Amino acid sequence: MWKDCLKCDRVWVFVGGIAAAVIGKKVLKSPKTREVCVKTVAQAMKLHQDAQTTFANIKEEAEDICFDAKQEAAAACDCQQ
């Protein structure tokens, strides 16, 4: 009877799931894992902040270019009249 159970794939999947849960819990509780996660999140937050700053700079530059173009267009219209 036990030999038949050991041949069943579902039994091995179940045993593998239990093993993964036990090992996973130990890995997640590890101080090294926490340290790596904190560093990763900190880097992601820095990248996000850098991206926002870059986007703001690009937006300001585009607004300046648009303003200058409008002034040039207005000046060109005044000269033609």
N, C-alpha and C. Protein backbone atom coordinates (compact mmCIF):
# COMPACT_ATOMS: atom_id res chain seq x y z
N MET A 1 0.82 -1.19 0.00
CA MET A 1 0.00 0.00 0.00
C MET A 1 0.87 1.27 0.00
N TRP A 2 1.89 1.32 0.88
CA TRP A 2 2.76 2.50 0.93
C TRP A 2 3.56 2.65 -0.35
N LYS A 3 3.92 1.54 -0.94
CA LYS A 3 4.68 1.61 -2.19
C LYS A 3 3.86 2.27 -3.28
N ASP A 4 2.56 1.98 -3.29
CA ASP A 4 1.68 2.60 -4.28
C ASP A 4 1.58 4.11 -4.04
N CYS A 5 1.54 4.52 -2.76
CA CYS A 5 1.45 5.95 -2.43
C CYS A 5 2.71 6.69 -2.86
N LEU A 6 3.85 6.05 -2.69
CA LEU A 6 5.11 6.71 -3.05
C LEU A 6 5.27 6.87 -4.55
N LYS A 7 4.56 6.07 -5.32
CA LYS A 7 4.62 6.18 -6.77
C LYS A 7 3.69 7.28 -7.30
N CYS A 8 2.77 7.72 -6.47
CA CYS A 8 1.78 8.73 -6.87
C CYS A 8 2.44 10.12 -6.93
N ASP A 9 2.26 10.81 -8.04
CA ASP A 9 2.83 12.14 -8.22
C ASP A 9 2.25 13.14 -7.23
N ARG A 10 0.99 13.01 -6.89
CA ARG A 10 0.34 13.97 -5.99
C ARG A 10 0.97 13.94 -4.60
N VAL A 11 1.41 12.78 -4.15
CA VAL A 11 2.06 12.68 -2.85
C VAL A 11 3.36 13.47 -2.87
N TRP A 12 4.14 13.34 -3.94
CA TRP A 12 5.41 14.05 -4.03
C TRP A 12 5.20 15.55 -4.17
N VAL A 13 4.15 15.95 -4.85
CA VAL A 13 3.84 17.38 -4.95
C VAL A 13 3.47 17.93 -3.58
N PHE A 14 2.69 17.16 -2.83
CA PHE A 14 2.31 17.56 -1.48
C PHE A 14 3.54 17.68 -0.57
N VAL A 15 4.40 16.68 -0.61
CA VAL A 15 5.62 16.69 0.21
C VAL A 15 6.52 17.86 -0.21
N GLY A 16 6.63 18.09 -1.50
CA GLY A 16 7.42 19.22 -1.99
C GLY A 16 6.86 20.55 -1.53
N GLY A 17 5.54 20.67 -1.50
CA GLY A 17 4.89 21.90 -1.03
C GLY A 17 5.18 22.16 0.43
N ILE A 18 5.12 21.10 1.24
CA ILE A 18 5.43 21.25 2.67
C ILE A 18 6.89 21.67 2.85
N ALA A 19 7.79 21.00 2.12
CA ALA A 19 9.21 21.34 2.22
C ALA A 19 9.46 22.78 1.79
N ALA A 20 8.82 23.21 0.72
CA ALA A 20 9.00 24.58 0.23
C ALA A 20 8.49 25.59 1.26
N ALA A 21 7.38 25.27 1.92
CA ALA A 21 6.84 26.17 2.94
C ALA A 21 7.78 26.29 4.13
N VAL A 22 8.31 25.17 4.57
CA VAL A 22 9.22 25.19 5.72
C VAL A 22 10.50 25.96 5.38
N ILE A 23 11.09 25.64 4.25
CA ILE A 23 12.33 26.31 3.83
C ILE A 23 12.07 27.79 3.54
N GLY A 24 10.95 28.06 2.87
CA GLY A 24 10.59 29.45 2.56
C GLY A 24 10.43 30.30 3.81
N LYS A 25 9.82 29.73 4.83
CA LYS A 25 9.62 30.47 6.08
C LYS A 25 10.97 30.81 6.71
N LYS A 26 11.88 29.85 6.71
CA LYS A 26 13.20 30.09 7.29
C LYS A 26 13.96 31.15 6.47
N VAL A 27 13.84 31.11 5.16
CA VAL A 27 14.53 32.08 4.30
C VAL A 27 13.95 33.47 4.53
N LEU A 28 12.63 33.58 4.60
CA LEU A 28 12.00 34.89 4.76
C LEU A 28 12.28 35.50 6.13
N LYS A 29 12.48 34.69 7.13
CA LYS A 29 12.77 35.19 8.48
C LYS A 29 14.24 35.52 8.67
N SER A 30 15.07 35.18 7.70
CA SER A 30 16.50 35.39 7.80
C SER A 30 16.84 36.89 7.79
N PRO A 31 17.76 37.32 8.66
CA PRO A 31 18.18 38.73 8.66
C PRO A 31 18.82 39.15 7.33
N LYS A 32 19.53 38.23 6.70
CA LYS A 32 20.18 38.55 5.40
C LYS A 32 19.11 38.83 4.34
N THR A 33 18.04 38.04 4.34
CA THR A 33 16.96 38.27 3.38
C THR A 33 16.33 39.63 3.60
N ARG A 34 16.11 39.98 4.86
CA ARG A 34 15.53 41.29 5.18
C ARG A 34 16.46 42.41 4.69
N GLU A 35 17.75 42.25 4.92
CA GLU A 35 18.72 43.25 4.49
C GLU A 35 18.68 43.44 2.98
N VAL A 36 18.64 42.33 2.25
CA VAL A 36 18.60 42.39 0.78
C VAL A 36 17.31 43.05 0.31
N CYS A 37 16.20 42.71 0.94
CA CYS A 37 14.91 43.31 0.56
C CYS A 37 14.89 44.81 0.83
N VAL A 38 15.41 45.21 1.97
CA VAL A 38 15.45 46.64 2.31
C VAL A 38 16.31 47.40 1.30
N LYS A 39 17.47 46.85 0.96
CA LYS A 39 18.34 47.51 -0.01
C LYS A 39 17.68 47.61 -1.38
N THR A 40 16.98 46.54 -1.78
CA THR A 40 16.31 46.53 -3.07
C THR A 40 15.20 47.57 -3.13
N VAL A 41 14.41 47.65 -2.08
CA VAL A 41 13.32 48.63 -2.03
C VAL A 41 13.89 50.05 -2.00
N ALA A 42 14.97 50.25 -1.26
CA ALA A 42 15.59 51.58 -1.21
C ALA A 42 16.09 52.00 -2.59
N GLN A 43 16.71 51.08 -3.32
CA GLN A 43 17.18 51.39 -4.67
C GLN A 43 16.01 51.71 -5.59
N ALA A 44 14.92 50.95 -5.46
CA ALA A 44 13.74 51.21 -6.30
C ALA A 44 13.15 52.58 -5.99
N MET A 45 13.12 52.95 -4.71
CA MET A 45 12.60 54.26 -4.33
C MET A 45 13.49 55.38 -4.87
N LYS A 46 14.80 55.18 -4.84
CA LYS A 46 15.72 56.18 -5.38
C LYS A 46 15.54 56.32 -6.90
N LEU A 47 15.42 55.20 -7.59
CA LEU A 47 15.18 55.26 -9.04
C LEU A 47 13.88 56.00 -9.34
N HIS A 48 12.86 55.75 -8.55
CA HIS A 48 11.57 56.41 -8.75
C HIS A 48 11.71 57.92 -8.56
N GLN A 49 12.40 58.31 -7.51
CA GLN A 49 12.63 59.74 -7.24
C GLN A 49 13.44 60.38 -8.35
N ASP A 50 14.48 59.70 -8.81
CA ASP A 50 15.30 60.22 -9.91
C ASP A 50 14.47 60.37 -11.18
N ALA A 51 13.61 59.42 -11.45
CA ALA A 51 12.75 59.49 -12.63
C ALA A 51 11.79 60.67 -12.54
N GLN A 52 11.24 60.89 -11.35
CA GLN A 52 10.34 62.03 -11.18
C GLN A 52 11.07 63.35 -11.37
N THR A 53 12.28 63.45 -10.85
CA THR A 53 13.07 64.67 -11.01
C THR A 53 13.41 64.91 -12.48
N THR A 54 13.81 63.87 -13.17
CA THR A 54 14.13 63.98 -14.59
C THR A 54 12.91 64.40 -15.39
N PHE A 55 11.76 63.80 -15.08
CA PHE A 55 10.53 64.15 -15.78
C PHE A 55 10.17 65.62 -15.54
N ALA A 56 10.33 66.09 -14.31
CA ALA A 56 10.03 67.49 -14.00
C ALA A 56 10.96 68.42 -14.77
N ASN A 57 12.23 68.05 -14.85
CA ASN A 57 13.18 68.89 -15.61
C ASN A 57 12.84 68.93 -17.09
N ILE A 58 12.48 67.78 -17.64
CA ILE A 58 12.09 67.73 -19.06
C ILE A 58 10.85 68.57 -19.30
N LYS A 59 9.89 68.48 -18.39
CA LYS A 59 8.64 69.24 -18.53
C LYS A 59 8.92 70.75 -18.48
N GLU A 60 9.78 71.18 -17.54
CA GLU A 60 10.13 72.60 -17.46
C GLU A 60 10.83 73.08 -18.73
N GLU A 61 11.73 72.26 -19.24
CA GLU A 61 12.45 72.63 -20.46
C GLU A 61 11.48 72.74 -21.65
N ALA A 62 10.55 71.81 -21.73
CA ALA A 62 9.56 71.85 -22.81
C ALA A 62 8.67 73.09 -22.70
N GLU A 63 8.30 73.46 -21.47
CA GLU A 63 7.49 74.67 -21.27
C GLU A 63 8.27 75.92 -21.68
N ASP A 64 9.56 75.96 -21.35
CA ASP A 64 10.40 77.10 -21.76
C ASP A 64 10.49 77.19 -23.27
N ILE A 65 10.69 76.07 -23.94
CA ILE A 65 10.78 76.05 -25.40
C ILE A 65 9.47 76.52 -26.01
N CYS A 66 8.36 76.05 -25.46
CA CYS A 66 7.04 76.44 -25.98
C CYS A 66 6.82 77.96 -25.80
N PHE A 67 7.18 78.47 -24.63
CA PHE A 67 7.04 79.90 -24.37
C PHE A 67 7.88 80.71 -25.35
N ASP A 68 9.14 80.30 -25.54
CA ASP A 68 10.02 81.01 -26.48
C ASP A 68 9.46 80.94 -27.90
N ALA A 69 8.93 79.81 -28.29
CA ALA A 69 8.38 79.66 -29.64
C ALA A 69 7.17 80.57 -29.83
N LYS A 70 6.33 80.69 -28.81
CA LYS A 70 5.15 81.57 -28.89
C LYS A 70 5.60 83.02 -29.02
N GLN A 71 6.62 83.40 -28.26
CA GLN A 71 7.13 84.77 -28.36
C GLN A 71 7.70 85.06 -29.74
N GLU A 72 8.44 84.10 -30.28
CA GLU A 72 9.02 84.27 -31.60
C GLU A 72 7.92 84.37 -32.65
N ALA A 73 6.89 83.54 -32.51
CA ALA A 73 5.78 83.58 -33.47
C ALA A 73 5.04 84.90 -33.39
N ALA A 74 4.86 85.38 -32.17
CA ALA A 74 4.17 86.66 -32.00
C ALA A 74 5.01 87.79 -32.56
N ALA A 75 6.31 87.74 -32.35
CA ALA A 75 7.20 88.77 -32.88
C ALA A 75 7.20 88.73 -34.42
N ALA A 76 7.15 87.55 -34.98
CA ALA A 76 7.14 87.42 -36.44
C ALA A 76 5.84 88.00 -37.01
N CYS A 77 4.74 87.80 -36.32
CA CYS A 77 3.47 88.34 -36.79
C CYS A 77 3.45 89.85 -36.69
N ASP A 78 4.05 90.41 -35.64
CA ASP A 78 4.10 91.86 -35.48
C ASP A 78 4.96 92.51 -36.56
N CYS A 79 6.01 91.83 -36.96
CA CYS A 79 6.91 92.39 -37.97
C CYS A 79 6.26 92.40 -39.34
N GLN A 80 5.39 91.48 -39.62
CA GLN A 80 4.78 91.40 -40.94
C GLN A 80 3.67 92.43 -41.11
N GLN A 81 3.14 92.96 -40.05
CA GLN A 81 2.02 93.90 -40.18
C GLN A 81 2.47 95.28 -40.43
